[in-house]
Structure formats: C-alpha cells, structure tokens
PDB file of N, CA and C in Angstrom:
ATOM      1  N   MET A   1      -5.444 -14.551 -10.546  1.00  0.00           N
ATOM      2  CA  MET A   1      -5.493 -15.028  -9.172  1.00  0.00           C
ATOM      3  C   MET A   1      -4.427 -14.305  -8.341  1.00  0.00           C
ATOM      4  N   SER A   2      -4.796 -13.940  -7.174  1.00  0.00           N
ATOM      5  CA  SER A   2      -3.887 -13.202  -6.298  1.00  0.00           C
ATOM      6  C   SER A   2      -2.734 -14.075  -5.818  1.00  0.00           C
ATOM      7  N   LYS A   3      -1.565 -13.449  -5.727  1.00  0.00           N
ATOM      8  CA  LYS A   3      -0.390 -14.129  -5.168  1.00  0.00           C
ATOM      9  C   LYS A   3      -0.300 -13.910  -3.658  1.00  0.00           C
ATOM     10  N   LEU A   4      -1.220 -13.118  -3.119  1.00  0.00           N
ATOM     11  CA  LEU A   4      -1.160 -12.778  -1.700  1.00  0.00           C
ATOM     12  C   LEU A   4      -1.623 -13.945  -0.838  1.00  0.00           C
ATOM     13  N   THR A   5      -0.985 -14.088   0.315  1.00  0.00           N
ATOM     14  CA  THR A   5      -1.297 -15.182   1.227  1.00  0.00           C
ATOM     15  C   THR A   5      -1.563 -14.619   2.621  1.00  0.00           C
ATOM     16  N   SER A   6      -1.684 -15.497   3.593  1.00  0.00           N
ATOM     17  CA  SER A   6      -1.865 -15.055   4.971  1.00  0.00           C
ATOM     18  C   SER A   6      -0.520 -14.696   5.614  1.00  0.00           C
ATOM     19  N   ASP A   7       0.578 -14.916   4.905  1.00  0.00           N
ATOM     20  CA  ASP A   7       1.923 -14.575   5.396  1.00  0.00           C
ATOM     21  C   ASP A   7       2.207 -13.109   5.045  1.00  0.00           C
ATOM     22  N   ILE A   8       1.985 -12.221   6.021  1.00  0.00           N
ATOM     23  CA  ILE A   8       2.088 -10.792   5.705  1.00  0.00           C
ATOM     24  C   ILE A   8       3.524 -10.345   5.424  1.00  0.00           C
ATOM     25  N   GLN A   9       4.505 -11.038   5.976  1.00  0.00           N
ATOM     26  CA  GLN A   9       5.907 -10.709   5.651  1.00  0.00           C
ATOM     27  C   GLN A   9       6.200 -11.075   4.194  1.00  0.00           C
ATOM     28  N   ALA A  10       5.712 -12.229   3.755  1.00  0.00           N
ATOM     29  CA  ALA A  10       5.897 -12.640   2.355  1.00  0.00           C
ATOM     30  C   ALA A  10       5.192 -11.658   1.416  1.00  0.00           C
ATOM     31  N   ASN A  11       4.021 -11.156   1.837  1.00  0.00           N
ATOM     32  CA  ASN A  11       3.294 -10.188   1.014  1.00  0.00           C
ATOM     33  C   ASN A  11       4.061  -8.867   0.917  1.00  0.00           C
ATOM     34  N   LEU A  12       4.724  -8.485   1.997  1.00  0.00           N
ATOM     35  CA  LEU A  12       5.563  -7.284   1.973  1.00  0.00           C
ATOM     36  C   LEU A  12       6.741  -7.498   1.015  1.00  0.00           C
ATOM     37  N   ASP A  13       7.398  -8.649   1.103  1.00  0.00           N
ATOM     38  CA  ASP A  13       8.510  -8.950   0.209  1.00  0.00           C
ATOM     39  C   ASP A  13       8.051  -8.943  -1.245  1.00  0.00           C
ATOM     40  N   LEU A  14       6.867  -9.496  -1.495  1.00  0.00           N
ATOM     41  CA  LEU A  14       6.294  -9.513  -2.839  1.00  0.00           C
ATOM     42  C   LEU A  14       6.016  -8.087  -3.315  1.00  0.00           C
ATOM     43  N   PHE A  15       5.518  -7.243  -2.409  1.00  0.00           N
ATOM     44  CA  PHE A  15       5.241  -5.840  -2.738  1.00  0.00           C
ATOM     45  C   PHE A  15       6.506  -5.163  -3.264  1.00  0.00           C
ATOM     46  N   VAL A  16       7.594  -5.303  -2.537  1.00  0.00           N
ATOM     47  CA  VAL A  16       8.853  -4.657  -2.931  1.00  0.00           C
ATOM     48  C   VAL A  16       9.357  -5.248  -4.248  1.00  0.00           C
ATOM     49  N   ALA A  17       9.354  -6.572  -4.370  1.00  0.00           N
ATOM     50  CA  ALA A  17       9.867  -7.222  -5.586  1.00  0.00           C
ATOM     51  C   ALA A  17       9.038  -6.855  -6.818  1.00  0.00           C
ATOM     52  N   GLU A  18       7.706  -6.926  -6.698  1.00  0.00           N
ATOM     53  CA  GLU A  18       6.842  -6.642  -7.855  1.00  0.00           C
ATOM     54  C   GLU A  18       6.869  -5.173  -8.238  1.00  0.00           C
ATOM     55  N   THR A  19       6.869  -4.284  -7.251  1.00  0.00           N
ATOM     56  CA  THR A  19       6.882  -2.860  -7.602  1.00  0.00           C
ATOM     57  C   THR A  19       8.220  -2.475  -8.222  1.00  0.00           C
ATOM     58  N   LYS A  20       9.301  -3.106  -7.780  1.00  0.00           N
ATOM     59  CA  LYS A  20      10.610  -2.858  -8.418  1.00  0.00           C
ATOM     60  C   LYS A  20      10.582  -3.311  -9.874  1.00  0.00           C
ATOM     61  N   LYS A  21       9.982  -4.461 -10.102  1.00  0.00           N
ATOM     62  CA  LYS A  21       9.948  -5.051 -11.442  1.00  0.00           C
ATOM     63  C   LYS A  21       9.039  -4.258 -12.389  1.00  0.00           C
ATOM     64  N   ASN A  22       7.852  -3.877 -11.898  1.00  0.00           N
ATOM     65  CA  ASN A  22       6.852  -3.209 -12.747  1.00  0.00           C
ATOM     66  C   ASN A  22       6.923  -1.685 -12.692  1.00  0.00           C
ATOM     67  N   SER A  23       7.667  -1.156 -11.728  1.00  0.00           N
ATOM     68  CA  SER A  23       7.797   0.291 -11.524  1.00  0.00           C
ATOM     69  C   SER A  23       6.466   0.989 -11.274  1.00  0.00           C
ATOM     70  N   LEU A  24       5.505   0.234 -10.702  1.00  0.00           N
ATOM     71  CA  LEU A  24       4.198   0.808 -10.392  1.00  0.00           C
ATOM     72  C   LEU A  24       3.727   0.357  -9.017  1.00  0.00           C
ATOM     73  N   VAL A  25       2.992   1.247  -8.362  1.00  0.00           N
ATOM     74  CA  VAL A  25       2.326   0.961  -7.093  1.00  0.00           C
ATOM     75  C   VAL A  25       0.854   1.288  -7.333  1.00  0.00           C
ATOM     76  N   TRP A  26      -0.046   0.531  -6.735  1.00  0.00           N
ATOM     77  CA  TRP A  26      -1.488   0.733  -6.929  1.00  0.00           C
ATOM     78  C   TRP A  26      -2.162   1.151  -5.632  1.00  0.00           C
ATOM     79  N   GLY A  27      -3.073   2.116  -5.742  1.00  0.00           N
ATOM     80  CA  GLY A  27      -3.821   2.568  -4.579  1.00  0.00           C
ATOM     81  C   GLY A  27      -5.261   2.856  -4.953  1.00  0.00           C
ATOM     82  N   LEU A  28      -6.056   3.211  -3.948  1.00  0.00           N
ATOM     83  CA  LEU A  28      -7.471   3.530  -4.153  1.00  0.00           C
ATOM     84  C   LEU A  28      -7.705   4.997  -3.823  1.00  0.00           C
ATOM     85  N   ARG A  29      -8.428   5.672  -4.721  1.00  0.00           N
ATOM     86  CA  ARG A  29      -8.659   7.103  -4.536  1.00  0.00           C
ATOM     87  C   ARG A  29     -10.087   7.460  -4.918  1.00  0.00           C
ATOM     88  N   ASN A  30     -10.683   8.382  -4.161  1.00  0.00           N
ATOM     89  CA  ASN A  30     -11.984   8.940  -4.554  1.00  0.00           C
ATOM     90  C   ASN A  30     -11.867  10.457  -4.565  1.00  0.00           C
ATOM     91  N   GLU A  31     -12.996  11.147  -4.717  1.00  0.00           N
ATOM     92  CA  GLU A  31     -12.935  12.607  -4.825  1.00  0.00           C
ATOM     93  C   GLU A  31     -12.396  13.272  -3.557  1.00  0.00           C
ATOM     94  N   GLU A  32     -12.429  12.574  -2.439  1.00  0.00           N
ATOM     95  CA  GLU A  32     -11.913  13.128  -1.183  1.00  0.00           C
ATOM     96  C   GLU A  32     -10.437  12.854  -0.975  1.00  0.00           C
ATOM     97  N   GLY A  33      -9.867  11.986  -1.789  1.00  0.00           N
ATOM     98  CA  GLY A  33      -8.445  11.696  -1.658  1.00  0.00           C
ATOM     99  C   GLY A  33      -8.158  10.203  -1.648  1.00  0.00           C
ATOM    100  N   TRP A  34      -6.933   9.885  -1.304  1.00  0.00           N
ATOM    101  CA  TRP A  34      -6.479   8.491  -1.276  1.00  0.00           C
ATOM    102  C   TRP A  34      -6.998   7.789  -0.038  1.00  0.00           C
ATOM    103  N   LEU A  35      -7.289   6.515  -0.188  1.00  0.00           N
ATOM    104  CA  LEU A  35      -7.818   5.713   0.907  1.00  0.00           C
ATOM    105  C   LEU A  35      -6.814   5.618   2.052  1.00  0.00           C
ATOM    106  N   SER A  36      -7.292   5.911   3.245  1.00  0.00           N
ATOM    107  CA  SER A  36      -6.496   5.658   4.454  1.00  0.00           C
ATOM    108  C   SER A  36      -7.469   5.259   5.552  1.00  0.00           C
ATOM    109  N   CYS A  37      -6.988   4.505   6.505  1.00  0.00           N
ATOM    110  CA  CYS A  37      -7.836   4.063   7.609  1.00  0.00           C
ATOM    111  C   CYS A  37      -7.016   3.936   8.884  1.00  0.00           C
ATOM    112  N   ASP A  38      -7.697   3.651   9.968  1.00  0.00           N
ATOM    113  CA  ASP A  38      -7.008   3.506  11.239  1.00  0.00           C
ATOM    114  C   ASP A  38      -6.159   2.241  11.236  1.00  0.00           C
ATOM    115  N   SER A  39      -4.997   2.353  11.823  1.00  0.00           N
ATOM    116  CA  SER A  39      -4.094   1.208  11.939  1.00  0.00           C
ATOM    117  C   SER A  39      -4.685   0.169  12.877  1.00  0.00           C
ATOM    118  N   THR A  40      -4.487  -1.098  12.525  1.00  0.00           N
ATOM    119  CA  THR A  40      -4.902  -2.166  13.425  1.00  0.00           C
ATOM    120  C   THR A  40      -3.753  -2.545  14.351  1.00  0.00           C
ATOM    121  N   GLU A  41      -2.529  -2.137  13.990  1.00  0.00           N
ATOM    122  CA  GLU A  41      -1.340  -2.483  14.774  1.00  0.00           C
ATOM    123  C   GLU A  41      -0.929  -1.409  15.774  1.00  0.00           C
ATOM    124  N   PHE A  42      -1.130  -0.155  15.387  1.00  0.00           N
ATOM    125  CA  PHE A  42      -0.622   0.948  16.205  1.00  0.00           C
ATOM    126  C   PHE A  42      -1.745   1.918  16.554  1.00  0.00           C
ATOM    127  N   GLU A  43      -1.910   2.163  17.833  1.00  0.00           N
ATOM    128  CA  GLU A  43      -2.953   3.062  18.308  1.00  0.00           C
ATOM    129  C   GLU A  43      -2.695   4.484  17.830  1.00  0.00           C
ATOM    130  N   ASN A  44      -3.755   5.190  17.510  1.00  0.00           N
ATOM    131  CA  ASN A  44      -3.674   6.587  17.068  1.00  0.00           C
ATOM    132  C   ASN A  44      -2.811   6.769  15.823  1.00  0.00           C
ATOM    133  N   SER A  45      -2.759   5.757  14.981  1.00  0.00           N
ATOM    134  CA  SER A  45      -2.002   5.873  13.735  1.00  0.00           C
ATOM    135  C   SER A  45      -2.934   5.626  12.555  1.00  0.00           C
ATOM    136  N   GLU A  46      -2.569   6.247  11.455  1.00  0.00           N
ATOM    137  CA  GLU A  46      -3.313   6.082  10.223  1.00  0.00           C
ATOM    138  C   GLU A  46      -2.446   5.268   9.272  1.00  0.00           C
ATOM    139  N   VAL A  47      -3.091   4.473   8.449  1.00  0.00           N
ATOM    140  CA  VAL A  47      -2.347   3.670   7.472  1.00  0.00           C
ATOM    141  C   VAL A  47      -2.983   3.853   6.096  1.00  0.00           C
ATOM    142  N   MET A  48      -2.151   3.937   5.082  1.00  0.00           N
ATOM    143  CA  MET A  48      -2.605   4.074   3.709  1.00  0.00           C
ATOM    144  C   MET A  48      -2.192   2.806   2.955  1.00  0.00           C
ATOM    145  N   PRO A  49      -3.181   2.030   2.475  1.00  0.00           N
ATOM    146  CA  PRO A  49      -2.833   0.771   1.810  1.00  0.00           C
ATOM    147  C   PRO A  49      -2.439   0.955   0.342  1.00  0.00           C
ATOM    148  N   PHE A  50      -1.469   0.147  -0.078  1.00  0.00           N
ATOM    149  CA  PHE A  50      -1.022   0.112  -1.472  1.00  0.00           C
ATOM    150  C   PHE A  50      -0.765  -1.337  -1.857  1.00  0.00           C
ATOM    151  N   TRP A  51      -0.868  -1.606  -3.148  1.00  0.00           N
ATOM    152  CA  TRP A  51      -0.672  -2.962  -3.656  1.00  0.00           C
ATOM    153  C   TRP A  51       0.321  -2.955  -4.814  1.00  0.00           C
ATOM    154  N   SER A  52       0.932  -4.129  -5.020  1.00  0.00           N
ATOM    155  CA  SER A  52       1.898  -4.263  -6.111  1.00  0.00           C
ATOM    156  C   SER A  52       1.242  -4.765  -7.391  1.00  0.00           C
ATOM    157  N   ALA A  53      -0.026  -5.165  -7.317  1.00  0.00           N
ATOM    158  CA  ALA A  53      -0.750  -5.638  -8.504  1.00  0.00           C
ATOM    159  C   ALA A  53      -2.114  -4.962  -8.576  1.00  0.00           C
ATOM    160  N   LYS A  54      -2.479  -4.537  -9.778  1.00  0.00           N
ATOM    161  CA  LYS A  54      -3.761  -3.866  -9.974  1.00  0.00           C
ATOM    162  C   LYS A  54      -4.919  -4.753  -9.526  1.00  0.00           C
ATOM    163  N   GLU A  55      -4.830  -6.056  -9.819  1.00  0.00           N
ATOM    164  CA  GLU A  55      -5.910  -6.983  -9.476  1.00  0.00           C
ATOM    165  C   GLU A  55      -6.148  -7.032  -7.967  1.00  0.00           C
ATOM    166  N   ASP A  56      -5.087  -6.979  -7.192  1.00  0.00           N
ATOM    167  CA  ASP A  56      -5.241  -7.018  -5.737  1.00  0.00           C
ATOM    168  C   ASP A  56      -5.865  -5.730  -5.216  1.00  0.00           C
ATOM    169  N   ALA A  57      -5.509  -4.608  -5.822  1.00  0.00           N
ATOM    170  CA  ALA A  57      -6.150  -3.343  -5.436  1.00  0.00           C
ATOM    171  C   ALA A  57      -7.631  -3.381  -5.811  1.00  0.00           C
ATOM    172  N   GLN A  58      -7.935  -3.894  -7.000  1.00  0.00           N
ATOM    173  CA  GLN A  58      -9.331  -3.973  -7.451  1.00  0.00           C
ATOM    174  C   GLN A  58     -10.172  -4.875  -6.556  1.00  0.00           C
ATOM    175  N   ALA A  59      -9.561  -5.897  -5.977  1.00  0.00           N
ATOM    176  CA  ALA A  59     -10.293  -6.815  -5.099  1.00  0.00           C
ATOM    177  C   ALA A  59     -10.835  -6.096  -3.860  1.00  0.00           C
ATOM    178  N   HIS A  60     -10.237  -4.965  -3.512  1.00  0.00           N
ATOM    179  CA  HIS A  60     -10.669  -4.199  -2.335  1.00  0.00           C
ATOM    180  C   HIS A  60     -11.591  -3.041  -2.711  1.00  0.00           C
ATOM    181  N   ASN A  61     -11.854  -2.895  -4.000  1.00  0.00           N
ATOM    182  CA  ASN A  61     -12.657  -1.802  -4.532  1.00  0.00           C
ATOM    183  C   ASN A  61     -14.147  -2.183  -4.469  1.00  0.00           C
ATOM    184  N   VAL A  62     -14.591  -2.626  -3.285  1.00  0.00           N
ATOM    185  CA  VAL A  62     -15.952  -3.135  -3.086  1.00  0.00           C
ATOM    186  C   VAL A  62     -16.519  -2.586  -1.781  1.00  0.00           C
ATOM    187  N   GLU A  63     -17.801  -2.832  -1.569  1.00  0.00           N
ATOM    188  CA  GLU A  63     -18.507  -2.462  -0.349  1.00  0.00           C
ATOM    189  C   GLU A  63     -18.216  -1.015   0.036  1.00  0.00           C
ATOM    190  N   GLU A  64     -17.682  -0.793   1.256  1.00  0.00           N
ATOM    191  CA  GLU A  64     -17.499   0.608   1.692  1.00  0.00           C
ATOM    192  C   GLU A  64     -16.434   1.337   0.876  1.00  0.00           C
ATOM    193  N   TRP A  65     -15.640   0.612   0.106  1.00  0.00           N
ATOM    194  CA  TRP A  65     -14.614   1.248  -0.725  1.00  0.00           C
ATOM    195  C   TRP A  65     -14.975   1.230  -2.211  1.00  0.00           C
ATOM    196  N   ALA A  66     -16.244   0.938  -2.510  1.00  0.00           N
ATOM    197  CA  ALA A  66     -16.687   0.812  -3.898  1.00  0.00           C
ATOM    198  C   ALA A  66     -16.631   2.130  -4.663  1.00  0.00           C
ATOM    199  N   ASP A  67     -16.684   3.261  -3.960  1.00  0.00           N
ATOM    200  CA  ASP A  67     -16.658   4.552  -4.654  1.00  0.00           C
ATOM    201  C   ASP A  67     -15.239   5.015  -4.968  1.00  0.00           C
ATOM    202  N   PHE A  68     -14.257   4.179  -4.675  1.00  0.00           N
ATOM    203  CA  PHE A  68     -12.865   4.524  -4.970  1.00  0.00           C
ATOM    204  C   PHE A  68     -12.492   4.037  -6.364  1.00  0.00           C
ATOM    205  N   GLU A  69     -11.497   4.677  -6.926  1.00  0.00           N
ATOM    206  CA  GLU A  69     -10.963   4.295  -8.220  1.00  0.00           C
ATOM    207  C   GLU A  69      -9.584   3.683  -7.995  1.00  0.00           C
ATOM    208  N   VAL A  70      -9.255   2.652  -8.746  1.00  0.00           N
ATOM    209  CA  VAL A  70      -7.941   2.017  -8.648  1.00  0.00           C
ATOM    210  C   VAL A  70      -6.986   2.793  -9.554  1.00  0.00           C
ATOM    211  N   LEU A  71      -5.957   3.363  -8.963  1.00  0.00           N
ATOM    212  CA  LEU A  71      -5.022   4.185  -9.731  1.00  0.00           C
ATOM    213  C   LEU A  71      -3.585   3.756  -9.500  1.00  0.00           C
ATOM    214  N   GLU A  72      -2.775   3.943 -10.533  1.00  0.00           N
ATOM    215  CA  GLU A  72      -1.353   3.602 -10.435  1.00  0.00           C
ATOM    216  C   GLU A  72      -0.530   4.831 -10.075  1.00  0.00           C
ATOM    217  N   ILE A  73       0.561   4.573  -9.401  1.00  0.00           N
ATOM    218  CA  ILE A  73       1.526   5.613  -9.049  1.00  0.00           C
ATOM    219  C   ILE A  73       2.885   5.105  -9.527  1.00  0.00           C
ATOM    220  N   PRO A  74       3.600   5.884 -10.345  1.00  0.00           N
ATOM    221  CA  PRO A  74       4.939   5.444 -10.748  1.00  0.00           C
ATOM    222  C   PRO A  74       5.823   5.253  -9.524  1.00  0.00           C
ATOM    223  N   LEU A  75       6.596   4.171  -9.521  1.00  0.00           N
ATOM    224  CA  LEU A  75       7.403   3.823  -8.349  1.00  0.00           C
ATOM    225  C   LEU A  75       8.360   4.935  -7.937  1.00  0.00           C
ATOM    226  N   ASP A  76       9.010   5.589  -8.896  1.00  0.00           N
ATOM    227  CA  ASP A  76       9.972   6.635  -8.522  1.00  0.00           C
ATOM    228  C   ASP A  76       9.283   7.771  -7.771  1.00  0.00           C
ATOM    229  N   ILE A  77       8.082   8.134  -8.200  1.00  0.00           N
ATOM    230  CA  ILE A  77       7.331   9.198  -7.509  1.00  0.00           C
ATOM    231  C   ILE A  77       6.873   8.707  -6.136  1.00  0.00           C
ATOM    232  N   PHE A  78       6.463   7.443  -6.063  1.00  0.00           N
ATOM    233  CA  PHE A  78       6.033   6.861  -4.792  1.00  0.00           C
ATOM    234  C   PHE A  78       7.172   6.902  -3.777  1.00  0.00           C
ATOM    235  N   VAL A  79       8.350   6.469  -4.194  1.00  0.00           N
ATOM    236  CA  VAL A  79       9.492   6.391  -3.272  1.00  0.00           C
ATOM    237  C   VAL A  79      10.031   7.784  -2.939  1.00  0.00           C
ATOM    238  N   GLU A  80      10.174   8.636  -3.960  1.00  0.00           N
ATOM    239  CA  GLU A  80      10.818   9.942  -3.740  1.00  0.00           C
ATOM    240  C   GLU A  80       9.894  10.998  -3.148  1.00  0.00           C
ATOM    241  N   ASP A  81       8.598  10.940  -3.454  1.00  0.00           N
ATOM    242  CA  ASP A  81       7.671  11.967  -2.976  1.00  0.00           C
ATOM    243  C   ASP A  81       6.706  11.440  -1.906  1.00  0.00           C
ATOM    244  N   TRP A  82       5.990  10.386  -2.259  1.00  0.00           N
ATOM    245  CA  TRP A  82       4.947   9.877  -1.376  1.00  0.00           C
ATOM    246  C   TRP A  82       5.489   9.439  -0.028  1.00  0.00           C
ATOM    247  N   LEU A  83       6.532   8.620  -0.051  1.00  0.00           N
ATOM    248  CA  LEU A  83       7.033   8.082   1.225  1.00  0.00           C
ATOM    249  C   LEU A  83       7.558   9.193   2.120  1.00  0.00           C
ATOM    250  N   LEU A  84       8.140  10.210   1.523  1.00  0.00           N
ATOM    251  CA  LEU A  84       8.616  11.360   2.292  1.00  0.00           C
ATOM    252  C   LEU A  84       7.439  12.100   2.933  1.00  0.00           C
ATOM    253  N   THR A  85       6.409  12.360   2.144  1.00  0.00           N
ATOM    254  CA  THR A  85       5.224  13.071   2.642  1.00  0.00           C
ATOM    255  C   THR A  85       4.498  12.254   3.707  1.00  0.00           C
ATOM    256  N   LEU A  86       4.331  10.949   3.447  1.00  0.00           N
ATOM    257  CA  LEU A  86       3.656  10.096   4.430  1.00  0.00           C
ATOM    258  C   LEU A  86       4.434  10.063   5.739  1.00  0.00           C
ATOM    259  N   SER A  87       5.744  10.025   5.639  1.00  0.00           N
ATOM    260  CA  SER A  87       6.590  10.022   6.830  1.00  0.00           C
ATOM    261  C   SER A  87       6.406  11.316   7.616  1.00  0.00           C
ATOM    262  N   GLU A  88       6.408  12.444   6.903  1.00  0.00           N
ATOM    263  CA  GLU A  88       6.214  13.750   7.558  1.00  0.00           C
ATOM    264  C   GLU A  88       4.845  13.833   8.227  1.00  0.00           C
ATOM    265  N   ASP A  89       3.842  13.187   7.600  1.00  0.00           N
ATOM    266  CA  ASP A  89       2.481  13.229   8.134  1.00  0.00           C
ATOM    267  C   ASP A  89       2.232  12.155   9.195  1.00  0.00           C
ATOM    268  N   GLY A  90       3.222  11.288   9.419  1.00  0.00           N
ATOM    269  CA  GLY A  90       3.069  10.229  10.410  1.00  0.00           C
ATOM    270  C   GLY A  90       2.116   9.128   9.987  1.00  0.00           C
ATOM    271  N   VAL A  91       1.979   8.934   8.672  1.00  0.00           N
ATOM    272  CA  VAL A  91       1.075   7.901   8.147  1.00  0.00           C
ATOM    273  C   VAL A  91       1.883   6.662   7.775  1.00  0.00           C
ATOM    274  N   LEU A  92       1.398   5.506   8.210  1.00  0.00           N
ATOM    275  CA  LEU A  92       2.053   4.236   7.888  1.00  0.00           C
ATOM    276  C   LEU A  92       1.641   3.766   6.499  1.00  0.00           C
ATOM    277  N   VAL A  93       2.433   2.877   5.921  1.00  0.00           N
ATOM    278  CA  VAL A  93       2.114   2.297   4.619  1.00  0.00           C
ATOM    279  C   VAL A  93       1.657   0.863   4.834  1.00  0.00           C
ATOM    280  N   GLY A  94       0.469   0.554   4.327  1.00  0.00           N
ATOM    281  CA  GLY A  94      -0.043  -0.819   4.365  1.00  0.00           C
ATOM    282  C   GLY A  94       0.311  -1.487   3.055  1.00  0.00           C
ATOM    283  N   THR A  95       1.058  -2.573   3.112  1.00  0.00           N
ATOM    284  CA  THR A  95       1.542  -3.200   1.884  1.00  0.00           C
ATOM    285  C   THR A  95       0.803  -4.489   1.569  1.00  0.00           C
ATOM    286  N   ASN A  96       0.283  -4.557   0.348  1.00  0.00           N
ATOM    287  CA  ASN A  96      -0.342  -5.774  -0.182  1.00  0.00           C
ATOM    288  C   ASN A  96      -1.307  -6.431   0.792  1.00  0.00           C
ATOM    289  N   TRP A  97      -2.312  -5.666   1.243  1.00  0.00           N
ATOM    290  CA  TRP A  97      -3.316  -6.247   2.124  1.00  0.00           C
ATOM    291  C   TRP A  97      -4.023  -7.381   1.400  1.00  0.00           C
ATOM    292  N   ASN A  98      -4.179  -8.503   2.085  1.00  0.00           N
ATOM    293  CA  ASN A  98      -4.839  -9.657   1.480  1.00  0.00           C
ATOM    294  C   ASN A  98      -6.360  -9.529   1.617  1.00  0.00           C
ATOM    295  N   ALA A  99      -7.068 -10.571   1.227  1.00  0.00           N
ATOM    296  CA  ALA A  99      -8.530 -10.544   1.233  1.00  0.00           C
ATOM    297  C   ALA A  99      -9.106 -10.316   2.628  1.00  0.00           C
ATOM    298  N   GLN A 100      -8.346 -10.672   3.669  1.00  0.00           N
ATOM    299  CA  GLN A 100      -8.799 -10.465   5.049  1.00  0.00           C
ATOM    300  C   GLN A 100      -8.368  -9.093   5.592  1.00  0.00           C
ATOM    301  N   LEU A 101      -7.881  -8.243   4.701  1.00  0.00           N
ATOM    302  CA  LEU A 101      -7.381  -6.913   5.066  1.00  0.00           C
ATOM    303  C   LEU A 101      -6.213  -7.005   6.030  1.00  0.00           C
ATOM    304  N   GLU A 102      -5.430  -8.061   5.897  1.00  0.00           N
ATOM    305  CA  GLU A 102      -4.224  -8.219   6.705  1.00  0.00           C
ATOM    306  C   GLU A 102      -3.030  -7.858   5.850  1.00  0.00           C
ATOM    307  N   GLY A 103      -2.143  -7.087   6.430  1.00  0.00           N
ATOM    308  CA  GLY A 103      -0.935  -6.705   5.717  1.00  0.00           C
ATOM    309  C   GLY A 103       0.008  -6.006   6.662  1.00  0.00           C
ATOM    310  N   LYS A 104       1.241  -6.006   6.292  1.00  0.00           N
ATOM    311  CA  LYS A 104       2.272  -5.371   7.106  1.00  0.00           C
ATOM    312  C   LYS A 104       2.054  -3.855   7.058  1.00  0.00           C
ATOM    313  N   GLU A 105       2.116  -3.225   8.220  1.00  0.00           N
ATOM    314  CA  GLU A 105       2.058  -1.761   8.304  1.00  0.00           C
ATOM    315  C   GLU A 105       3.460  -1.287   8.638  1.00  0.00           C
ATOM    316  N   VAL A 106       4.067  -0.548   7.720  1.00  0.00           N
ATOM    317  CA  VAL A 106       5.463  -0.163   7.891  1.00  0.00           C
ATOM    318  C   VAL A 106       5.640   1.349   7.849  1.00  0.00           C
ATOM    319  N   GLU A 107       6.690   1.780   8.521  1.00  0.00           N
ATOM    320  CA  GLU A 107       7.057   3.196   8.461  1.00  0.00           C
ATOM    321  C   GLU A 107       7.511   3.501   7.034  1.00  0.00           C
ATOM    322  N   PRO A 108       7.093   4.627   6.468  1.00  0.00           N
ATOM    323  CA  PRO A 108       7.501   4.971   5.104  1.00  0.00           C
ATOM    324  C   PRO A 108       9.018   4.959   4.916  1.00  0.00           C
ATOM    325  N   SER A 109       9.769   5.437   5.920  1.00  0.00           N
ATOM    326  CA  SER A 109      11.229   5.465   5.796  1.00  0.00           C
ATOM    327  C   SER A 109      11.814   4.054   5.738  1.00  0.00           C
ATOM    328  N   ASP A 110      11.190   3.101   6.480  1.00  0.00           N
ATOM    329  CA  ASP A 110      11.653   1.713   6.445  1.00  0.00           C
ATOM    330  C   ASP A 110      11.371   1.100   5.075  1.00  0.00           C
ATOM    331  N   LEU A 111      10.213   1.424   4.499  1.00  0.00           N
ATOM    332  CA  LEU A 111       9.884   0.907   3.172  1.00  0.00           C
ATOM    333  C   LEU A 111      10.852   1.493   2.135  1.00  0.00           C
ATOM    334  N   ALA A 112      11.144   2.776   2.244  1.00  0.00           N
ATOM    335  CA  ALA A 112      12.080   3.414   1.291  1.00  0.00           C
ATOM    336  C   ALA A 112      13.422   2.708   1.295  1.00  0.00           C
ATOM    337  N   LYS A 113      13.889   2.311   2.474  1.00  0.00           N
ATOM    338  CA  LYS A 113      15.183   1.622   2.588  1.00  0.00           C
ATOM    339  C   LYS A 113      15.173   0.287   1.860  1.00  0.00           C
ATOM    340  N   MET A 114      14.004  -0.355   1.786  1.00  0.00           N
ATOM    341  CA  MET A 114      13.907  -1.652   1.102  1.00  0.00           C
ATOM    342  C   MET A 114      14.165  -1.524  -0.403  1.00  0.00           C
ATOM    343  N   TYR A 115      14.008  -0.321  -0.933  1.00  0.00           N
ATOM    344  CA  TYR A 115      14.252  -0.092  -2.362  1.00  0.00           C
ATOM    345  C   TYR A 115      15.713   0.221  -2.648  1.00  0.00           C
ATOM    346  N   LEU A 116      16.504   0.353  -1.619  1.00  0.00           N
ATOM    347  CA  LEU A 116      17.917   0.682  -1.809  1.00  0.00           C
ATOM    348  C   LEU A 116      18.785  -0.568  -2.012  1.00  0.00           C
ATOM    349  N   ASP A 117      18.239  -1.716  -1.634  1.00  0.00           N
ATOM    350  CA  ASP A 117      19.014  -2.959  -1.747  1.00  0.00           C
ATOM    351  C   ASP A 117      19.212  -3.371  -3.206  1.00  0.00           C
TER     352      ASP A 117
END
C-alpha cells in the first residue's frame, strides 16, 4: 500500500527520507528515454517524475505510460549526475507523485540541498 497522501510536502519529505534510507530512486523509462511532462505549476517548464518506492512508480506504469519500464537509479548517481544535468537542462524534479498525479515540483539544486542535511 502506498504511503503517499494528498499532502505533497509530506510526500516530498518522504521522498528524501526513503531515498536516503534505501539509496535508490525510481523512474519510468521507455525506448525514447525517461518520462517527462509539462509542469502543472510552472509555465513553459518540463518536469521529470521520480518516486522513492518501486510500488509507487509501478502504480503510474499504466494507460498512456504503460509502455514505460520501472527502473531504479542509485541515489549517489541521481544526486551527483542527474540533478546536475536536470538543472543545466532547466528540468524540474517531480517527487513522489500520488495517484492524482499531484506532487511537489522542485528545482534540482533545491532537491540536492535536501540531501546535505
């Protein structure tokens, strides 16, 4: 059962805590690349969703995203490489989107700072 709720700040906090504990981040990827979509919060911005639990990522692996594969990314690579690249590309990070596709959209550099605490 998912730990995600309608409280998107709590889901962000859970994302950081769980990924620190498990040292893994989960995303969706197909032959064209990693899943990204238009931001609902910021105009002309792209967001790439990630989850702290495989089950939550799998819950989104349906309908228009059914052709994606659920894949893990080691946390150190996510923080040291991915967040830097996403920041350079101007792509936001969507953290622990719930069943309603609601989740905090954060700047990669802001998310990286959360791992320094």
